[in-house]
Amino acid sequence: MSLLVPLYVHPAEDPAAWHRLITRAAGTFAVVLNPASGPGDSPDPAFAAAAEALRAAGARLLGYVDTDYGARDPAGVIADLRRHREWYGVDGCFLDQVTAAPDGLPACRRLVRSVRRLGASPVVLNPGVHPAPGYARLADLTVTFEGHWSRYASTFSRPAWAARHPPERLCHLVYGVPEPLVPLAVRTARERGAAVCGPVTGEPPNPWSRLTPALAEAER
């Protein structure tokens, strides 16, 4: 099982979490960098230092970019990715709040082509639900579930196309997981056809401010 790690807390606010992440970076699919709901307006030295340490430890870095469910101007998305690459040396991008509807597919296809022309790899799409089938063919990884453990454990279902899709190209991000149940969350993702996951114990409004305990499990 590979781990996708969004850690949305400033390195100065929780240096211990960043240190643990850096020491275990080899056990991740990638790490999402999100200094300010995107790259921010200027480089952040603390994030730049963390990014350098993560790269040295062998992690792939993804720059967080919000697409606002297709409502955001693609030029703004591209500008954010350029800043991520210039300031933090990210490898790929994590396109968040991607629309899942069939009528949004052409625009998403154009956007993915644009970010790939900038050299972004891997490209991760996060609709947070199972989108129309064509989306998953655009990306290196598609997040088909983002939500609370209570919903994941009780109401999850997947369409036929997802059952046929390569598991290594699907991801489930689950928050609010009781810490003793994190290994179960990892196994559940695998059983449901996602070879990449990111279970965290945090709760809204920012569950991703906590580092996933699954990193420690991956070392055992």
C-alpha atoms as a PDB file:
ATOM      1  CA  MET A   1       0.000   0.000   0.000  1.00  0.00           C
ATOM      2  CA  SER A   2       1.318   3.443  -0.969  1.00  0.00           C
ATOM      3  CA  LEU A   3       0.525   6.523   1.101  1.00  0.00           C
ATOM      4  CA  LEU A   4      -0.466   9.917  -0.245  1.00  0.00           C
ATOM      5  CA  VAL A   5       0.339  12.460   2.452  1.00  0.00           C
ATOM      6  CA  PRO A   6      -1.356  15.854   2.522  1.00  0.00           C
ATOM      7  CA  LEU A   7       0.119  17.658   5.550  1.00  0.00           C
ATOM      8  CA  TYR A   8      -1.577  21.031   5.769  1.00  0.00           C
ATOM      9  CA  VAL A   9       0.172  22.551   8.743  1.00  0.00           C
ATOM     10  CA  HIS A  10       3.055  25.012   8.739  1.00  0.00           C
ATOM     11  CA  PRO A  11       6.473  23.475   9.507  1.00  0.00           C
ATOM     12  CA  ALA A  12       7.006  26.064  12.245  1.00  0.00           C
ATOM     13  CA  GLU A  13       3.704  25.131  13.881  1.00  0.00           C
ATOM     14  CA  ASP A  14       4.362  21.380  14.024  1.00  0.00           C
ATOM     15  CA  PRO A  15       8.045  20.759  13.319  1.00  0.00           C
ATOM     16  CA  ALA A  16       7.878  17.289  14.880  1.00  0.00           C
ATOM     17  CA  ALA A  17       5.312  16.106  12.321  1.00  0.00           C
ATOM     18  CA  TRP A  18       7.428  17.402   9.454  1.00  0.00           C
ATOM     19  CA  HIS A  19      10.516  15.738  10.898  1.00  0.00           C
ATOM     20  CA  ARG A  20       8.689  12.403  11.147  1.00  0.00           C
ATOM     21  CA  LEU A  21       7.458  12.789   7.594  1.00  0.00           C
ATOM     22  CA  ILE A  22      10.946  13.569   6.283  1.00  0.00           C
ATOM     23  CA  THR A  23      12.455  10.555   8.041  1.00  0.00           C
ATOM     24  CA  ARG A  24       9.785   8.277   6.531  1.00  0.00           C
ATOM     25  CA  ALA A  25       9.473   9.910   3.117  1.00  0.00           C
ATOM     26  CA  ALA A  26      10.548   6.788   1.267  1.00  0.00           C
ATOM     27  CA  GLY A  27       7.315   5.105   2.382  1.00  0.00           C
ATOM     28  CA  THR A  28       5.058   7.520   0.516  1.00  0.00           C
ATOM     29  CA  PHE A  29       3.518   7.730  -2.931  1.00  0.00           C
ATOM     30  CA  ALA A  30       3.933  11.506  -2.698  1.00  0.00           C
ATOM     31  CA  VAL A  31       3.662  14.450  -0.303  1.00  0.00           C
ATOM     32  CA  VAL A  32       1.282  17.341  -1.021  1.00  0.00           C
ATOM     33  CA  LEU A  33       2.734  20.796  -0.287  1.00  0.00           C
ATOM     34  CA  ASN A  34       0.120  23.419   0.571  1.00  0.00           C
ATOM     35  CA  PRO A  35       1.624  26.565   2.069  1.00  0.00           C
ATOM     36  CA  ALA A  36      -1.457  28.800   1.676  1.00  0.00           C
ATOM     37  CA  SER A  37      -4.307  26.948  -0.061  1.00  0.00           C
ATOM     38  CA  GLY A  38      -1.848  26.909  -2.937  1.00  0.00           C
ATOM     39  CA  PRO A  39       1.690  28.272  -3.212  1.00  0.00           C
ATOM     40  CA  GLY A  40       0.854  31.637  -1.637  1.00  0.00           C
ATOM     41  CA  ASP A  41       1.883  35.086  -2.844  1.00  0.00           C
ATOM     42  CA  SER A  42       5.585  34.718  -2.063  1.00  0.00           C
ATOM     43  CA  PRO A  43       8.010  31.909  -1.212  1.00  0.00           C
ATOM     44  CA  ASP A  44       7.832  30.564   2.329  1.00  0.00           C
ATOM     45  CA  PRO A  45      11.370  29.736   3.560  1.00  0.00           C
ATOM     46  CA  ALA A  46      10.107  27.101   5.997  1.00  0.00           C
ATOM     47  CA  PHE A  47       8.228  25.238   3.276  1.00  0.00           C
ATOM     48  CA  ALA A  48      11.187  25.597   0.924  1.00  0.00           C
ATOM     49  CA  ALA A  49      13.467  23.994   3.521  1.00  0.00           C
ATOM     50  CA  ALA A  50      10.956  21.205   4.155  1.00  0.00           C
ATOM     51  CA  ALA A  51      10.617  20.589   0.422  1.00  0.00           C
ATOM     52  CA  GLU A  52      14.385  20.359   0.021  1.00  0.00           C
ATOM     53  CA  ALA A  53      14.650  17.894   2.908  1.00  0.00           C
ATOM     54  CA  LEU A  54      11.812  15.775   1.536  1.00  0.00           C
ATOM     55  CA  ARG A  55      13.405  15.606  -1.908  1.00  0.00           C
ATOM     56  CA  ALA A  56      16.718  14.605  -0.360  1.00  0.00           C
ATOM     57  CA  ALA A  57      14.887  11.848   1.541  1.00  0.00           C
ATOM     58  CA  GLY A  58      13.428  10.478  -1.679  1.00  0.00           C
ATOM     59  CA  ALA A  59       9.879  11.861  -1.629  1.00  0.00           C
ATOM     60  CA  ARG A  60       7.943  13.023  -4.661  1.00  0.00           C
ATOM     61  CA  LEU A  61       6.350  16.431  -4.109  1.00  0.00           C
ATOM     62  CA  LEU A  62       2.977  17.611  -5.362  1.00  0.00           C
ATOM     63  CA  GLY A  63       1.938  21.248  -5.414  1.00  0.00           C
ATOM     64  CA  TYR A  64      -1.588  21.849  -4.112  1.00  0.00           C
ATOM     65  CA  VAL A  65      -3.793  23.784  -6.540  1.00  0.00           C
ATOM     66  CA  ASP A  66      -7.525  24.403  -6.090  1.00  0.00           C
ATOM     67  CA  THR A  67      -9.601  24.224  -9.292  1.00  0.00           C
ATOM     68  CA  ASP A  68     -12.897  25.226  -7.582  1.00  0.00           C
ATOM     69  CA  TYR A  69     -14.824  22.475  -9.358  1.00  0.00           C
ATOM     70  CA  GLY A  70     -13.914  23.856 -12.771  1.00  0.00           C
ATOM     71  CA  ALA A  71     -15.001  27.423 -11.985  1.00  0.00           C
ATOM     72  CA  ARG A  72     -11.487  28.776 -11.623  1.00  0.00           C
ATOM     73  CA  ASP A  73      -9.707  30.339 -14.585  1.00  0.00           C
ATOM     74  CA  PRO A  74      -7.221  27.743 -15.924  1.00  0.00           C
ATOM     75  CA  ALA A  75      -4.620  30.508 -16.203  1.00  0.00           C
ATOM     76  CA  GLY A  76      -4.731  30.910 -12.431  1.00  0.00           C
ATOM     77  CA  VAL A  77      -4.247  27.180 -11.947  1.00  0.00           C
ATOM     78  CA  ILE A  78      -1.227  27.210 -14.244  1.00  0.00           C
ATOM     79  CA  ALA A  79       0.212  30.260 -12.487  1.00  0.00           C
ATOM     80  CA  ASP A  80      -0.065  28.499  -9.129  1.00  0.00           C
ATOM     81  CA  LEU A  81       1.713  25.449 -10.483  1.00  0.00           C
ATOM     82  CA  ARG A  82       4.495  27.598 -11.936  1.00  0.00           C
ATOM     83  CA  ARG A  83       5.056  29.161  -8.506  1.00  0.00           C
ATOM     84  CA  HIS A  84       5.056  25.764  -6.828  1.00  0.00           C
ATOM     85  CA  ARG A  85       7.691  24.539  -9.258  1.00  0.00           C
ATOM     86  CA  GLU A  86       9.831  27.685  -9.034  1.00  0.00           C
ATOM     87  CA  TRP A  87       9.673  28.108  -5.252  1.00  0.00           C
ATOM     88  CA  TYR A  88       9.449  24.534  -3.971  1.00  0.00           C
ATOM     89  CA  GLY A  89      10.681  22.352  -6.823  1.00  0.00           C
ATOM     90  CA  VAL A  90       7.577  20.165  -6.876  1.00  0.00           C
ATOM     91  CA  ASP A  91       7.477  17.192  -9.224  1.00  0.00           C
ATOM     92  CA  GLY A  92       3.755  17.093  -9.901  1.00  0.00           C
ATOM     93  CA  CYS A  93       0.473  18.615  -8.847  1.00  0.00           C
ATOM     94  CA  PHE A  94      -2.518  17.814  -6.673  1.00  0.00           C
ATOM     95  CA  LEU A  95      -5.525  19.352  -8.400  1.00  0.00           C
ATOM     96  CA  ASP A  96      -8.137  19.692  -5.677  1.00  0.00           C
ATOM     97  CA  GLN A  97     -11.902  20.168  -5.945  1.00  0.00           C
ATOM     98  CA  VAL A  98     -12.035  18.774  -9.457  1.00  0.00           C
ATOM     99  CA  THR A  99     -15.493  18.543 -10.962  1.00  0.00           C
ATOM    100  CA  ALA A 100     -16.799  15.008 -11.397  1.00  0.00           C
ATOM    101  CA  ALA A 101     -19.561  15.627 -13.937  1.00  0.00           C
ATOM    102  CA  PRO A 102     -19.343  14.392 -17.545  1.00  0.00           C
ATOM    103  CA  ASP A 103     -19.782  17.902 -18.956  1.00  0.00           C
ATOM    104  CA  GLY A 104     -16.634  19.085 -17.160  1.00  0.00           C
ATOM    105  CA  LEU A 105     -14.443  16.437 -18.722  1.00  0.00           C
ATOM    106  CA  PRO A 106     -13.264  18.395 -21.827  1.00  0.00           C
ATOM    107  CA  ALA A 107     -12.079  21.344 -19.728  1.00  0.00           C
ATOM    108  CA  CYS A 108     -10.334  19.032 -17.275  1.00  0.00           C
ATOM    109  CA  ARG A 109      -8.639  17.258 -20.160  1.00  0.00           C
ATOM    110  CA  ARG A 110      -7.292  20.590 -21.448  1.00  0.00           C
ATOM    111  CA  LEU A 111      -6.101  21.528 -17.962  1.00  0.00           C
ATOM    112  CA  VAL A 112      -4.256  18.246 -17.463  1.00  0.00           C
ATOM    113  CA  ARG A 113      -2.570  18.661 -20.833  1.00  0.00           C
ATOM    114  CA  SER A 114      -1.455  22.148 -19.813  1.00  0.00           C
ATOM    115  CA  VAL A 115       0.049  21.059 -16.493  1.00  0.00           C
ATOM    116  CA  ARG A 116       1.815  18.166 -18.185  1.00  0.00           C
ATOM    117  CA  ARG A 117       3.356  20.593 -20.677  1.00  0.00           C
ATOM    118  CA  LEU A 118       4.896  22.350 -17.666  1.00  0.00           C
ATOM    119  CA  GLY A 119       6.526  19.038 -16.727  1.00  0.00           C
ATOM    120  CA  ALA A 120       4.179  18.129 -13.885  1.00  0.00           C
ATOM    121  CA  SER A 121       4.342  14.436 -13.051  1.00  0.00           C
ATOM    122  CA  PRO A 122       2.533  12.786 -11.422  1.00  0.00           C
ATOM    123  CA  VAL A 123      -0.805  14.523 -11.887  1.00  0.00           C
ATOM    124  CA  VAL A 124      -3.357  13.761  -9.161  1.00  0.00           C
ATOM    125  CA  LEU A 125      -7.029  14.682  -9.542  1.00  0.00           C
ATOM    126  CA  ASN A 126      -9.200  14.997  -6.456  1.00  0.00           C
ATOM    127  CA  PRO A 127     -12.922  15.070  -7.144  1.00  0.00           C
ATOM    128  CA  GLY A 128     -13.341  13.305  -3.783  1.00  0.00           C
ATOM    129  CA  VAL A 129     -15.997  11.026  -5.293  1.00  0.00           C
ATOM    130  CA  HIS A 130     -16.158   8.591  -8.163  1.00  0.00           C
ATOM    131  CA  PRO A 131     -16.207  10.885 -11.206  1.00  0.00           C
ATOM    132  CA  ALA A 132     -17.379  10.138 -14.712  1.00  0.00           C
ATOM    133  CA  PRO A 133     -15.042   7.375 -15.998  1.00  0.00           C
ATOM    134  CA  GLY A 134     -13.007   9.541 -18.349  1.00  0.00           C
ATOM    135  CA  TYR A 135     -11.424  11.559 -15.534  1.00  0.00           C
ATOM    136  CA  ALA A 136      -9.432   8.646 -14.172  1.00  0.00           C
ATOM    137  CA  ARG A 137      -7.908   8.068 -17.609  1.00  0.00           C
ATOM    138  CA  LEU A 138      -6.489  11.597 -17.597  1.00  0.00           C
ATOM    139  CA  ALA A 139      -4.532  11.358 -14.366  1.00  0.00           C
ATOM    140  CA  ASP A 140      -1.744   9.314 -12.848  1.00  0.00           C
ATOM    141  CA  LEU A 141      -3.862   9.051  -9.694  1.00  0.00           C
ATOM    142  CA  THR A 142      -7.504   9.904  -8.980  1.00  0.00           C
ATOM    143  CA  VAL A 143      -8.937  10.362  -5.492  1.00  0.00           C
ATOM    144  CA  THR A 144     -12.329   8.659  -5.666  1.00  0.00           C
ATOM    145  CA  PHE A 145     -13.170   9.085  -1.984  1.00  0.00           C
ATOM    146  CA  GLU A 146     -12.468  11.916   0.430  1.00  0.00           C
ATOM    147  CA  GLY A 147     -14.509  11.970   3.593  1.00  0.00           C
ATOM    148  CA  HIS A 148     -15.048  10.882   7.180  1.00  0.00           C
ATOM    149  CA  TRP A 149     -14.336   7.368   8.387  1.00  0.00           C
ATOM    150  CA  SER A 150     -17.924   6.944   9.568  1.00  0.00           C
ATOM    151  CA  ARG A 151     -19.181   7.383   6.011  1.00  0.00           C
ATOM    152  CA  TYR A 152     -16.342   5.359   4.492  1.00  0.00           C
ATOM    153  CA  ALA A 153     -17.016   2.432   6.800  1.00  0.00           C
ATOM    154  CA  SER A 154     -20.772   2.360   6.264  1.00  0.00           C
ATOM    155  CA  THR A 155     -21.901   3.752   2.904  1.00  0.00           C
ATOM    156  CA  PHE A 156     -19.040   3.394   0.408  1.00  0.00           C
ATOM    157  CA  SER A 157     -19.834   1.928  -2.984  1.00  0.00           C
ATOM    158  CA  ARG A 158     -17.973   1.929  -6.290  1.00  0.00           C
ATOM    159  CA  PRO A 159     -19.146   1.866  -9.892  1.00  0.00           C
ATOM    160  CA  ALA A 160     -18.244  -0.924 -12.277  1.00  0.00           C
ATOM    161  CA  TRP A 161     -15.618   1.134 -14.088  1.00  0.00           C
ATOM    162  CA  ALA A 162     -13.675   1.676 -10.847  1.00  0.00           C
ATOM    163  CA  ALA A 163     -13.643  -2.057 -10.151  1.00  0.00           C
ATOM    164  CA  ARG A 164     -11.942  -2.563 -13.514  1.00  0.00           C
ATOM    165  CA  HIS A 165      -9.482   0.320 -13.120  1.00  0.00           C
ATOM    166  CA  PRO A 166      -5.867  -0.371 -12.055  1.00  0.00           C
ATOM    167  CA  PRO A 167      -5.761  -0.058  -8.234  1.00  0.00           C
ATOM    168  CA  GLU A 168      -2.432   1.784  -8.322  1.00  0.00           C
ATOM    169  CA  ARG A 169      -4.216   4.682 -10.048  1.00  0.00           C
ATOM    170  CA  LEU A 170      -6.937   5.112  -7.431  1.00  0.00           C
ATOM    171  CA  CYS A 171      -6.699   6.707  -3.984  1.00  0.00           C
ATOM    172  CA  HIS A 172      -8.943   7.047  -0.918  1.00  0.00           C
ATOM    173  CA  LEU A 173      -8.400   9.890   1.563  1.00  0.00           C
ATOM    174  CA  VAL A 174     -10.171   9.210   4.856  1.00  0.00           C
ATOM    175  CA  TYR A 175     -10.202  11.465   7.909  1.00  0.00           C
ATOM    176  CA  GLY A 176     -11.565  11.017  11.412  1.00  0.00           C
ATOM    177  CA  VAL A 177     -10.141   7.493  11.633  1.00  0.00           C
ATOM    178  CA  PRO A 178      -9.720   6.357  15.260  1.00  0.00           C
ATOM    179  CA  GLU A 179      -6.001   5.701  15.619  1.00  0.00           C
ATOM    180  CA  PRO A 180      -6.374   1.986  16.495  1.00  0.00           C
ATOM    181  CA  LEU A 181      -8.371   1.553  13.263  1.00  0.00           C
ATOM    182  CA  VAL A 182      -5.812   3.137  10.904  1.00  0.00           C
ATOM    183  CA  PRO A 183      -4.460  -0.292   9.817  1.00  0.00           C
ATOM    184  CA  LEU A 184      -8.059  -1.338   9.112  1.00  0.00           C
ATOM    185  CA  ALA A 185      -8.555   1.787   6.981  1.00  0.00           C
ATOM    186  CA  VAL A 186      -5.483   0.864   4.938  1.00  0.00           C
ATOM    187  CA  ARG A 187      -6.724  -2.700   4.436  1.00  0.00           C
ATOM    188  CA  THR A 188     -10.190  -1.452   3.547  1.00  0.00           C
ATOM    189  CA  ALA A 189      -8.826   0.823   0.831  1.00  0.00           C
ATOM    190  CA  ARG A 190      -6.936  -2.094  -0.657  1.00  0.00           C
ATOM    191  CA  GLU A 191     -10.014  -4.317  -0.549  1.00  0.00           C
ATOM    192  CA  ARG A 192     -11.999  -1.586  -2.301  1.00  0.00           C
ATOM    193  CA  GLY A 193      -9.575  -1.332  -5.168  1.00  0.00           C
ATOM    194  CA  ALA A 194      -7.404   1.639  -4.161  1.00  0.00           C
ATOM    195  CA  ALA A 195      -3.691   0.908  -3.887  1.00  0.00           C
ATOM    196  CA  VAL A 196      -2.987   4.425  -2.576  1.00  0.00           C
ATOM    197  CA  CYS A 197      -4.576   5.869   0.541  1.00  0.00           C
ATOM    198  CA  GLY A 198      -4.218   8.538   3.199  1.00  0.00           C
ATOM    199  CA  PRO A 199      -5.991   7.773   6.487  1.00  0.00           C
ATOM    200  CA  VAL A 200      -5.695  10.458   9.170  1.00  0.00           C
ATOM    201  CA  THR A 201      -7.104  10.870  12.664  1.00  0.00           C
ATOM    202  CA  GLY A 202      -7.853  14.582  12.289  1.00  0.00           C
ATOM    203  CA  GLU A 203     -11.318  16.118  12.106  1.00  0.00           C
ATOM    204  CA  PRO A 204     -12.704  19.138  10.215  1.00  0.00           C
ATOM    205  CA  PRO A 205     -12.151  21.976   9.635  1.00  0.00           C
ATOM    206  CA  ASN A 206      -8.619  20.845   8.775  1.00  0.00           C
ATOM    207  CA  PRO A 207      -8.208  17.103   9.262  1.00  0.00           C
ATOM    208  CA  TRP A 208      -5.028  17.181   7.170  1.00  0.00           C
ATOM    209  CA  SER A 209      -3.143  19.156   9.816  1.00  0.00           C
ATOM    210  CA  ARG A 210      -2.206  15.812  11.391  1.00  0.00           C
ATOM    211  CA  LEU A 211       0.308  13.362   9.987  1.00  0.00           C
ATOM    212  CA  THR A 212      -1.065   9.940   9.127  1.00  0.00           C
ATOM    213  CA  PRO A 213      -0.165   7.247  11.696  1.00  0.00           C
ATOM    214  CA  ALA A 214       0.005   4.836   8.747  1.00  0.00           C
ATOM    215  CA  LEU A 215       3.549   6.021   8.083  1.00  0.00           C
ATOM    216  CA  ALA A 216       4.693   4.299  11.254  1.00  0.00           C
ATOM    217  CA  GLU A 217       2.817   1.157  10.264  1.00  0.00           C
ATOM    218  CA  ALA A 218       4.525   1.163   6.854  1.00  0.00           C
ATOM    219  CA  GLU A 219       7.917   0.832   8.541  1.00  0.00           C
ATOM    220  CA  ARG A 220       6.980  -2.353  10.418  1.00  0.00           C
END
